[in-house]
Amino acid sequence: MLKDPLFLLVAAACLAVAVILAMGVSTMGKPGVENGKRSNKLMRWRIIAQFLAVLLILAFVTIRNQFGGQ
């Protein structure tokens, strides 16, 4: 499975979601209006990245099932 490029893409997308989430949460804890705005923007980016990650996961599962799990 580690040689499958789509699996690596899915793993990278999940890692990107986790990094964006961590950045947003850490920014949320800091005082100030600018930090609040930045945290809000990061959380919006997280939702977009999470949507793309879910689409990639669905594509991966569909392709793996279609070709018999090879």
PDB file of N, CA and C in Angstrom:
ATOM      1  N   MET A   1       0.817  -1.191   0.000  1.00  0.00           N
ATOM      2  CA  MET A   1       0.000   0.000   0.000  1.00  0.00           C
ATOM      3  C   MET A   1       0.864   1.259   0.000  1.00  0.00           C
ATOM      4  N   LEU A   2       2.044   1.193   0.570  1.00  0.00           N
ATOM      5  CA  LEU A   2       2.901   2.370   0.621  1.00  0.00           C
ATOM      6  C   LEU A   2       3.463   2.752  -0.742  1.00  0.00           C
ATOM      7  N   LYS A   3       3.367   1.853  -1.713  1.00  0.00           N
ATOM      8  CA  LYS A   3       3.832   2.162  -3.063  1.00  0.00           C
ATOM      9  C   LYS A   3       2.732   2.760  -3.924  1.00  0.00           C
ATOM     10  N   ASP A   4       1.515   2.789  -3.407  1.00  0.00           N
ATOM     11  CA  ASP A   4       0.365   3.317  -4.141  1.00  0.00           C
ATOM     12  C   ASP A   4       0.377   4.849  -4.061  1.00  0.00           C
ATOM     13  N   PRO A   5       0.514   5.551  -5.199  1.00  0.00           N
ATOM     14  CA  PRO A   5       0.586   7.013  -5.171  1.00  0.00           C
ATOM     15  C   PRO A   5      -0.691   7.664  -4.627  1.00  0.00           C
ATOM     16  N   LEU A   6      -1.840   7.062  -4.883  1.00  0.00           N
ATOM     17  CA  LEU A   6      -3.076   7.641  -4.377  1.00  0.00           C
ATOM     18  C   LEU A   6      -3.137   7.537  -2.854  1.00  0.00           C
ATOM     19  N   PHE A   7      -2.630   6.434  -2.303  1.00  0.00           N
ATOM     20  CA  PHE A   7      -2.578   6.295  -0.840  1.00  0.00           C
ATOM     21  C   PHE A   7      -1.672   7.362  -0.239  1.00  0.00           C
ATOM     22  N   LEU A   8      -0.523   7.602  -0.870  1.00  0.00           N
ATOM     23  CA  LEU A   8       0.385   8.635  -0.372  1.00  0.00           C
ATOM     24  C   LEU A   8      -0.254  10.018  -0.449  1.00  0.00           C
ATOM     25  N   LEU A   9      -1.034  10.260  -1.493  1.00  0.00           N
ATOM     26  CA  LEU A   9      -1.751  11.529  -1.625  1.00  0.00           C
ATOM     27  C   LEU A   9      -2.799  11.681  -0.522  1.00  0.00           C
ATOM     28  N   VAL A  10      -3.508  10.602  -0.234  1.00  0.00           N
ATOM     29  CA  VAL A  10      -4.497  10.613   0.855  1.00  0.00           C
ATOM     30  C   VAL A  10      -3.806  10.888   2.188  1.00  0.00           C
ATOM     31  N   ALA A  11      -2.684  10.231   2.430  1.00  0.00           N
ATOM     32  CA  ALA A  11      -1.943  10.430   3.679  1.00  0.00           C
ATOM     33  C   ALA A  11      -1.454  11.876   3.802  1.00  0.00           C
ATOM     34  N   ALA A  12      -0.977  12.430   2.712  1.00  0.00           N
ATOM     35  CA  ALA A  12      -0.512  13.825   2.716  1.00  0.00           C
ATOM     36  C   ALA A  12      -1.670  14.780   2.972  1.00  0.00           C
ATOM     37  N   ALA A  13      -2.826  14.499   2.395  1.00  0.00           N
ATOM     38  CA  ALA A  13      -4.005  15.348   2.605  1.00  0.00           C
ATOM     39  C   ALA A  13      -4.446  15.301   4.063  1.00  0.00           C
ATOM     40  N   CYS A  14      -4.431  14.123   4.661  1.00  0.00           N
ATOM     41  CA  CYS A  14      -4.800  13.989   6.078  1.00  0.00           C
ATOM     42  C   CYS A  14      -3.799  14.709   6.969  1.00  0.00           C
ATOM     43  N   LEU A  15      -2.529  14.621   6.636  1.00  0.00           N
ATOM     44  CA  LEU A  15      -1.499  15.325   7.396  1.00  0.00           C
ATOM     45  C   LEU A  15      -1.682  16.843   7.268  1.00  0.00           C
ATOM     46  N   ALA A  16      -2.019  17.309   6.078  1.00  0.00           N
ATOM     47  CA  ALA A  16      -2.255  18.739   5.869  1.00  0.00           C
ATOM     48  C   ALA A  16      -3.427  19.218   6.723  1.00  0.00           C
ATOM     49  N   VAL A  17      -4.483  18.432   6.804  1.00  0.00           N
ATOM     50  CA  VAL A  17      -5.638  18.795   7.637  1.00  0.00           C
ATOM     51  C   VAL A  17      -5.211  18.904   9.097  1.00  0.00           C
ATOM     52  N   ALA A  18      -4.422  17.947   9.559  1.00  0.00           N
ATOM     53  CA  ALA A  18      -3.971  17.956  10.952  1.00  0.00           C
ATOM     54  C   ALA A  18      -3.091  19.172  11.247  1.00  0.00           C
ATOM     55  N   VAL A  19      -2.218  19.521  10.309  1.00  0.00           N
ATOM     56  CA  VAL A  19      -1.331  20.679  10.507  1.00  0.00           C
ATOM     57  C   VAL A  19      -2.146  21.966  10.542  1.00  0.00           C
ATOM     58  N   ILE A  20      -3.087  22.124   9.622  1.00  0.00           N
ATOM     59  CA  ILE A  20      -3.919  23.323   9.593  1.00  0.00           C
ATOM     60  C   ILE A  20      -4.743  23.422  10.871  1.00  0.00           C
ATOM     61  N   LEU A  21      -5.285  22.293  11.332  1.00  0.00           N
ATOM     62  CA  LEU A  21      -6.055  22.278  12.572  1.00  0.00           C
ATOM     63  C   LEU A  21      -5.191  22.714  13.750  1.00  0.00           C
ATOM     64  N   ALA A  22      -3.991  22.172  13.855  1.00  0.00           N
ATOM     65  CA  ALA A  22      -3.098  22.539  14.956  1.00  0.00           C
ATOM     66  C   ALA A  22      -2.740  24.024  14.919  1.00  0.00           C
ATOM     67  N   MET A  23      -2.485  24.538  13.722  1.00  0.00           N
ATOM     68  CA  MET A  23      -2.174  25.968  13.595  1.00  0.00           C
ATOM     69  C   MET A  23      -3.366  26.822  14.013  1.00  0.00           C
ATOM     70  N   GLY A  24      -4.561  26.430  13.600  1.00  0.00           N
ATOM     71  CA  GLY A  24      -5.761  27.189  13.937  1.00  0.00           C
ATOM     72  C   GLY A  24      -6.054  27.175  15.417  1.00  0.00           C
ATOM     73  N   VAL A  25      -5.902  26.017  16.042  1.00  0.00           N
ATOM     74  CA  VAL A  25      -6.161  25.918  17.482  1.00  0.00           C
ATOM     75  C   VAL A  25      -5.128  26.706  18.277  1.00  0.00           C
ATOM     76  N   SER A  26      -3.870  26.636  17.860  1.00  0.00           N
ATOM     77  CA  SER A  26      -2.837  27.378  18.592  1.00  0.00           C
ATOM     78  C   SER A  26      -3.028  28.887  18.434  1.00  0.00           C
ATOM     79  N   THR A  27      -3.482  29.322  17.284  1.00  0.00           N
ATOM     80  CA  THR A  27      -3.729  30.743  17.067  1.00  0.00           C
ATOM     81  C   THR A  27      -4.962  31.203  17.833  1.00  0.00           C
ATOM     82  N   MET A  28      -5.932  30.298  17.988  1.00  0.00           N
ATOM     83  CA  MET A  28      -7.168  30.638  18.687  1.00  0.00           C
ATOM     84  C   MET A  28      -6.893  30.992  20.152  1.00  0.00           C
ATOM     85  N   GLY A  29      -5.887  30.376  20.745  1.00  0.00           N
ATOM     86  CA  GLY A  29      -5.587  30.602  22.152  1.00  0.00           C
ATOM     87  C   GLY A  29      -4.877  31.908  22.441  1.00  0.00           C
ATOM     88  N   LYS A  30      -4.428  32.606  21.444  1.00  0.00           N
ATOM     89  CA  LYS A  30      -3.699  33.856  21.646  1.00  0.00           C
ATOM     90  C   LYS A  30      -4.679  35.033  21.649  1.00  0.00           C
ATOM     91  N   PRO A  31      -4.435  36.011  22.503  1.00  0.00           N
ATOM     92  CA  PRO A  31      -5.333  37.174  22.546  1.00  0.00           C
ATOM     93  C   PRO A  31      -5.115  38.099  21.349  1.00  0.00           C
ATOM     94  N   GLY A  32      -6.124  38.867  21.046  1.00  0.00           N
ATOM     95  CA  GLY A  32      -6.015  39.864  19.985  1.00  0.00           C
ATOM     96  C   GLY A  32      -6.970  39.598  18.841  1.00  0.00           C
ATOM     97  N   VAL A  33      -7.400  40.675  18.217  1.00  0.00           N
ATOM     98  CA  VAL A  33      -8.359  40.596  17.119  1.00  0.00           C
ATOM     99  C   VAL A  33      -7.727  39.948  15.891  1.00  0.00           C
ATOM    100  N   GLU A  34      -6.480  40.299  15.611  1.00  0.00           N
ATOM    101  CA  GLU A  34      -5.808  39.739  14.437  1.00  0.00           C
ATOM    102  C   GLU A  34      -5.651  38.228  14.550  1.00  0.00           C
ATOM    103  N   ASN A  35      -5.345  37.750  15.739  1.00  0.00           N
ATOM    104  CA  ASN A  35      -5.215  36.304  15.927  1.00  0.00           C
ATOM    105  C   ASN A  35      -6.555  35.606  15.750  1.00  0.00           C
ATOM    106  N   GLY A  36      -7.624  36.247  16.178  1.00  0.00           N
ATOM    107  CA  GLY A  36      -8.957  35.688  15.985  1.00  0.00           C
ATOM    108  C   GLY A  36      -9.302  35.574  14.512  1.00  0.00           C
ATOM    109  N   LYS A  37      -8.975  36.614  13.758  1.00  0.00           N
ATOM    110  CA  LYS A  37      -9.234  36.591  12.315  1.00  0.00           C
ATOM    111  C   LYS A  37      -8.395  35.514  11.623  1.00  0.00           C
ATOM    112  N   ARG A  38      -7.138  35.415  12.041  1.00  0.00           N
ATOM    113  CA  ARG A  38      -6.249  34.411  11.437  1.00  0.00           C
ATOM    114  C   ARG A  38      -6.731  32.998  11.757  1.00  0.00           C
ATOM    115  N   SER A  39      -7.161  32.789  12.997  1.00  0.00           N
ATOM    116  CA  SER A  39      -7.670  31.484  13.396  1.00  0.00           C
ATOM    117  C   SER A  39      -8.913  31.119  12.597  1.00  0.00           C
ATOM    118  N   ASN A  40      -9.793  32.090  12.413  1.00  0.00           N
ATOM    119  CA  ASN A  40     -11.001  31.872  11.620  1.00  0.00           C
ATOM    120  C   ASN A  40     -10.655  31.485  10.186  1.00  0.00           C
ATOM    121  N   LYS A  41      -9.694  32.182   9.608  1.00  0.00           N
ATOM    122  CA  LYS A  41      -9.276  31.888   8.235  1.00  0.00           C
ATOM    123  C   LYS A  41      -8.653  30.492   8.136  1.00  0.00           C
ATOM    124  N   LEU A  42      -7.844  30.129   9.122  1.00  0.00           N
ATOM    125  CA  LEU A  42      -7.231  28.801   9.126  1.00  0.00           C
ATOM    126  C   LEU A  42      -8.300  27.713   9.251  1.00  0.00           C
ATOM    127  N   MET A  43      -9.319  27.959  10.040  1.00  0.00           N
ATOM    128  CA  MET A  43     -10.378  26.957  10.191  1.00  0.00           C
ATOM    129  C   MET A  43     -11.185  26.814   8.893  1.00  0.00           C
ATOM    130  N   ARG A  44     -11.343  27.903   8.165  1.00  0.00           N
ATOM    131  CA  ARG A  44     -11.998  27.795   6.847  1.00  0.00           C
ATOM    132  C   ARG A  44     -11.144  26.972   5.893  1.00  0.00           C
ATOM    133  N   TRP A  45      -9.834  27.192   5.919  1.00  0.00           N
ATOM    134  CA  TRP A  45      -8.932  26.400   5.078  1.00  0.00           C
ATOM    135  C   TRP A  45      -8.950  24.934   5.485  1.00  0.00           C
ATOM    136  N   ARG A  46      -9.118  24.692   6.800  1.00  0.00           N
ATOM    137  CA  ARG A  46      -9.192  23.306   7.273  1.00  0.00           C
ATOM    138  C   ARG A  46     -10.406  22.603   6.714  1.00  0.00           C
ATOM    139  N   ILE A  47     -11.520  23.299   6.662  1.00  0.00           N
ATOM    140  CA  ILE A  47     -12.739  22.690   6.119  1.00  0.00           C
ATOM    141  C   ILE A  47     -12.545  22.338   4.644  1.00  0.00           C
ATOM    142  N   ILE A  48     -11.918  23.219   3.896  1.00  0.00           N
ATOM    143  CA  ILE A  48     -11.665  22.955   2.470  1.00  0.00           C
ATOM    144  C   ILE A  48     -10.708  21.765   2.320  1.00  0.00           C
ATOM    145  N   ALA A  49      -9.630  21.765   3.106  1.00  0.00           N
ATOM    146  CA  ALA A  49      -8.663  20.663   3.039  1.00  0.00           C
ATOM    147  C   ALA A  49      -9.303  19.350   3.467  1.00  0.00           C
ATOM    148  N   GLN A  50     -10.166  19.414   4.464  1.00  0.00           N
ATOM    149  CA  GLN A  50     -10.836  18.204   4.943  1.00  0.00           C
ATOM    150  C   GLN A  50     -11.783  17.658   3.876  1.00  0.00           C
ATOM    151  N   PHE A  51     -12.474  18.531   3.181  1.00  0.00           N
ATOM    152  CA  PHE A  51     -13.360  18.117   2.091  1.00  0.00           C
ATOM    153  C   PHE A  51     -12.560  17.414   0.997  1.00  0.00           C
ATOM    154  N   LEU A  52     -11.437  18.002   0.625  1.00  0.00           N
ATOM    155  CA  LEU A  52     -10.587  17.382  -0.399  1.00  0.00           C
ATOM    156  C   LEU A  52     -10.028  16.043   0.076  1.00  0.00           C
ATOM    157  N   ALA A  53      -9.666  15.962   1.348  1.00  0.00           N
ATOM    158  CA  ALA A  53      -9.159  14.700   1.888  1.00  0.00           C
ATOM    159  C   ALA A  53     -10.229  13.613   1.843  1.00  0.00           C
ATOM    160  N   VAL A  54     -11.464  13.974   2.181  1.00  0.00           N
ATOM    161  CA  VAL A  54     -12.560  12.996   2.135  1.00  0.00           C
ATOM    162  C   VAL A  54     -12.798  12.538   0.695  1.00  0.00           C
ATOM    163  N   LEU A  55     -12.753  13.467  -0.256  1.00  0.00           N
ATOM    164  CA  LEU A  55     -12.923  13.084  -1.664  1.00  0.00           C
ATOM    165  C   LEU A  55     -11.815  12.126  -2.106  1.00  0.00           C
ATOM    166  N   LEU A  56     -10.582  12.396  -1.692  1.00  0.00           N
ATOM    167  CA  LEU A  56      -9.471  11.517  -2.047  1.00  0.00           C
ATOM    168  C   LEU A  56      -9.628  10.135  -1.400  1.00  0.00           C
ATOM    169  N   ILE A  57     -10.095  10.107  -0.160  1.00  0.00           N
ATOM    170  CA  ILE A  57     -10.325   8.828   0.510  1.00  0.00           C
ATOM    171  C   ILE A  57     -11.390   8.033  -0.217  1.00  0.00           C
ATOM    172  N   LEU A  58     -12.471   8.696  -0.605  1.00  0.00           N
ATOM    173  CA  LEU A  58     -13.530   8.005  -1.346  1.00  0.00           C
ATOM    174  C   LEU A  58     -13.021   7.490  -2.686  1.00  0.00           C
ATOM    175  N   ALA A  59     -12.206   8.290  -3.368  1.00  0.00           N
ATOM    176  CA  ALA A  59     -11.633   7.855  -4.643  1.00  0.00           C
ATOM    177  C   ALA A  59     -10.723   6.653  -4.434  1.00  0.00           C
ATOM    178  N   PHE A  60      -9.914   6.690  -3.382  1.00  0.00           N
ATOM    179  CA  PHE A  60      -9.014   5.586  -3.081  1.00  0.00           C
ATOM    180  C   PHE A  60      -9.787   4.297  -2.812  1.00  0.00           C
ATOM    181  N   VAL A  61     -10.823   4.387  -1.991  1.00  0.00           N
ATOM    182  CA  VAL A  61     -11.622   3.206  -1.660  1.00  0.00           C
ATOM    183  C   VAL A  61     -12.329   2.679  -2.895  1.00  0.00           C
ATOM    184  N   THR A  62     -12.875   3.564  -3.708  1.00  0.00           N
ATOM    185  CA  THR A  62     -13.579   3.156  -4.921  1.00  0.00           C
ATOM    186  C   THR A  62     -12.631   2.454  -5.892  1.00  0.00           C
ATOM    187  N   ILE A  63     -11.475   3.037  -6.102  1.00  0.00           N
ATOM    188  CA  ILE A  63     -10.511   2.445  -7.041  1.00  0.00           C
ATOM    189  C   ILE A  63     -10.001   1.106  -6.518  1.00  0.00           C
ATOM    190  N   ARG A  64      -9.714   1.036  -5.208  1.00  0.00           N
ATOM    191  CA  ARG A  64      -9.240  -0.233  -4.637  1.00  0.00           C
ATOM    192  C   ARG A  64     -10.287  -1.331  -4.762  1.00  0.00           C
ATOM    193  N   ASN A  65     -11.550  -0.991  -4.543  1.00  0.00           N
ATOM    194  CA  ASN A  65     -12.641  -1.992  -4.667  1.00  0.00           C
ATOM    195  C   ASN A  65     -12.879  -2.381  -6.115  1.00  0.00           C
ATOM    196  N   GLN A  66     -12.719  -1.439  -7.029  1.00  0.00           N
ATOM    197  CA  GLN A  66     -12.966  -1.681  -8.443  1.00  0.00           C
ATOM    198  C   GLN A  66     -11.936  -2.648  -9.039  1.00  0.00           C
ATOM    199  N   PHE A  67     -10.707  -2.535  -8.580  1.00  0.00           N
ATOM    200  CA  PHE A  67      -9.648  -3.388  -9.131  1.00  0.00           C
ATOM    201  C   PHE A  67      -9.310  -4.552  -8.223  1.00  0.00           C
ATOM    202  N   GLY A  68     -10.195  -4.894  -7.318  1.00  0.00           N
ATOM    203  CA  GLY A  68     -10.010  -6.093  -6.495  1.00  0.00           C
ATOM    204  C   GLY A  68      -8.946  -5.966  -5.426  1.00  0.00           C
ATOM    205  N   GLY A  69      -8.633  -4.766  -4.998  1.00  0.00           N
ATOM    206  CA  GLY A  69      -7.685  -4.593  -3.902  1.00  0.00           C
ATOM    207  C   GLY A  69      -6.232  -4.869  -4.251  1.00  0.00           C
ATOM    208  N   GLN A  70      -5.856  -4.759  -5.508  1.00  0.00           N
ATOM    209  CA  GLN A  70      -4.484  -5.035  -5.923  1.00  0.00           C
ATOM    210  C   GLN A  70      -3.565  -3.900  -5.533  1.00  0.00           C
TER     211      GLN A  70
END
